[in-house]
Amino acid sequence: MNGGFARLPAPPYYAVVFSSQRNAADPAEYAVAAERMLELAQRQPGYLGVESVRGADGFGITVSYWQSEAAIAAWRAQAEHAEIRRHGRRHWYTHYELRVGRIERVSGYAAGRDAPGSAD
């Protein structure tokens, strides 16, 4: 879905952490749906970015970033997103958890250059 770090503004902003365990059903259909969700999210007001990984065992973590809780609520209410969530529960996931949090500060490191908050 995504191949690296999201480019984000200075905090505060919100993160939605979606941890999931995929089953083996319809990997091609799942990939198409994941790309569609990314396209839709990118068009949603308040969307800031996404970071996503999935291991060979089917466990994955996707973190989407949003300007506000209202933007998250609007994304949750988006009709096509809601339908794909329902489909996912029936067909693709054996378990998932969703966590929402407010990001207050950022620190990091990038070899050869300063990263946000890299003074730590």
Protein backbone atom coordinates (compact mmCIF):
# COMPACT_ATOMS: atom_id res chain seq x y z
CA MET A 1 0.00 0.00 0.00
CA ASN A 2 2.67 2.48 0.99
CA GLY A 3 6.41 2.36 0.65
CA GLY A 4 7.80 4.62 3.33
CA PHE A 5 7.37 7.41 5.79
CA ALA A 6 4.42 9.79 5.50
CA ARG A 7 5.33 13.46 5.08
CA LEU A 8 3.45 15.13 7.91
CA PRO A 9 3.01 18.62 9.31
CA ALA A 10 4.16 19.65 12.76
CA PRO A 11 1.96 18.26 15.53
CA PRO A 12 -0.65 18.19 16.81
CA TYR A 13 -2.54 15.82 14.53
CA TYR A 14 -4.21 12.42 14.89
CA ALA A 15 -3.18 8.87 14.09
CA VAL A 16 -5.49 5.93 13.40
CA VAL A 17 -3.63 2.65 13.95
CA PHE A 18 -5.23 -0.33 12.21
CA SER A 19 -3.58 -3.63 13.24
CA SER A 20 -4.93 -6.65 11.41
CA GLN A 21 -4.47 -10.34 10.78
CA ARG A 22 -5.32 -11.32 7.22
CA ASN A 23 -6.48 -14.73 6.15
CA ALA A 24 -5.46 -16.21 2.78
CA ALA A 25 -8.72 -15.34 0.96
CA ASP A 26 -8.59 -13.39 -2.30
CA PRO A 27 -5.22 -11.62 -2.10
CA ALA A 28 -5.75 -9.96 -5.50
CA GLU A 29 -9.19 -8.62 -4.49
CA TYR A 30 -7.73 -7.40 -1.19
CA ALA A 31 -4.91 -5.55 -2.98
CA VAL A 32 -7.40 -3.79 -5.26
CA ALA A 33 -9.54 -2.80 -2.28
CA ALA A 34 -6.51 -1.52 -0.35
CA GLU A 35 -5.48 0.67 -3.28
CA ARG A 36 -9.03 1.97 -3.59
CA MET A 37 -9.10 2.85 0.11
CA LEU A 38 -5.85 4.78 -0.31
CA GLU A 39 -7.29 6.69 -3.29
CA LEU A 40 -10.45 7.55 -1.33
CA ALA A 41 -8.58 8.54 1.83
CA GLN A 42 -6.27 10.85 -0.13
CA ARG A 43 -9.35 12.74 -1.39
CA GLN A 44 -10.87 13.04 2.09
CA PRO A 45 -10.62 16.47 3.74
CA GLY A 46 -8.21 16.34 6.68
CA TYR A 47 -6.17 13.38 5.39
CA LEU A 48 -2.43 13.86 6.02
CA GLY A 49 -0.76 10.58 5.04
CA VAL A 50 -0.37 6.87 5.65
CA GLU A 51 2.28 4.30 6.54
CA SER A 52 1.55 0.60 6.06
CA VAL A 53 3.34 -2.74 6.34
CA ARG A 54 2.25 -6.38 6.17
CA GLY A 55 4.34 -9.43 7.03
CA ALA A 56 4.41 -12.76 5.22
CA ASP A 57 2.30 -14.19 8.06
CA GLY A 58 -0.54 -11.80 7.18
CA PHE A 59 -0.13 -9.50 10.19
CA GLY A 60 -0.18 -5.84 9.19
CA ILE A 61 -0.22 -2.36 10.62
CA THR A 62 -1.54 0.69 8.80
CA VAL A 63 -1.30 4.10 10.40
CA SER A 64 -3.30 6.87 8.79
CA TYR A 65 -2.82 10.48 9.87
CA TRP A 66 -5.55 13.11 10.10
CA GLN A 67 -5.89 16.78 10.98
CA SER A 68 -8.74 16.27 13.44
CA GLU A 69 -11.12 13.85 15.07
CA ALA A 70 -13.86 15.31 12.83
CA ALA A 71 -11.83 14.30 9.75
CA ILE A 72 -11.51 10.77 11.14
CA ALA A 73 -15.26 10.59 11.77
CA ALA A 74 -15.97 11.78 8.23
CA TRP A 75 -13.64 9.11 6.81
CA ARG A 76 -15.36 6.45 8.90
CA ALA A 77 -18.73 7.61 7.54
CA GLN A 78 -17.59 7.62 3.89
CA ALA A 79 -19.95 5.16 2.17
CA GLU A 80 -17.50 3.15 0.06
CA HIS A 81 -15.06 2.91 2.97
CA ALA A 82 -17.88 1.61 5.20
CA GLU A 83 -18.84 -1.05 2.64
CA ILE A 84 -15.26 -2.27 2.23
CA ARG A 85 -14.89 -2.46 6.04
CA ARG A 86 -17.99 -4.68 6.19
CA HIS A 87 -16.63 -6.85 3.36
CA GLY A 88 -13.27 -7.11 5.12
CA ARG A 89 -14.82 -8.38 8.33
CA ARG A 90 -16.66 -11.10 6.40
CA HIS A 91 -13.87 -12.12 4.02
CA TRP A 92 -10.32 -10.93 4.77
CA TYR A 93 -9.61 -10.60 8.48
CA THR A 94 -9.43 -13.07 11.32
CA HIS A 95 -8.77 -10.26 13.81
CA TYR A 96 -8.23 -6.52 13.79
CA GLU A 97 -7.97 -3.67 16.24
CA LEU A 98 -8.29 0.05 15.69
CA ARG A 99 -6.66 2.65 17.91
CA VAL A 100 -6.91 6.44 17.65
CA GLY A 101 -4.53 8.87 19.29
CA ARG A 102 -3.44 12.49 19.20
CA ILE A 103 0.18 13.04 18.22
CA GLU A 104 1.70 15.74 20.42
CA ARG A 105 5.39 15.58 19.45
CA VAL A 106 7.66 13.85 16.96
CA SER A 107 11.30 12.83 17.07
CA GLY A 108 13.38 10.81 14.68
CA TYR A 109 16.65 10.24 12.92
CA ALA A 110 17.62 10.11 9.27
CA ALA A 111 21.23 9.32 8.33
CA GLY A 112 22.90 12.33 6.74
CA ARG A 113 20.22 14.87 7.59
CA ASP A 114 18.21 16.26 10.45
CA ALA A 115 14.78 14.76 11.04
CA PRO A 116 11.90 16.31 13.01
CA GLY A 117 12.91 16.53 16.63
CA SER A 118 16.29 14.89 15.98
CA ALA A 119 17.94 16.88 18.77
CA ASP A 120 17.02 14.03 21.19
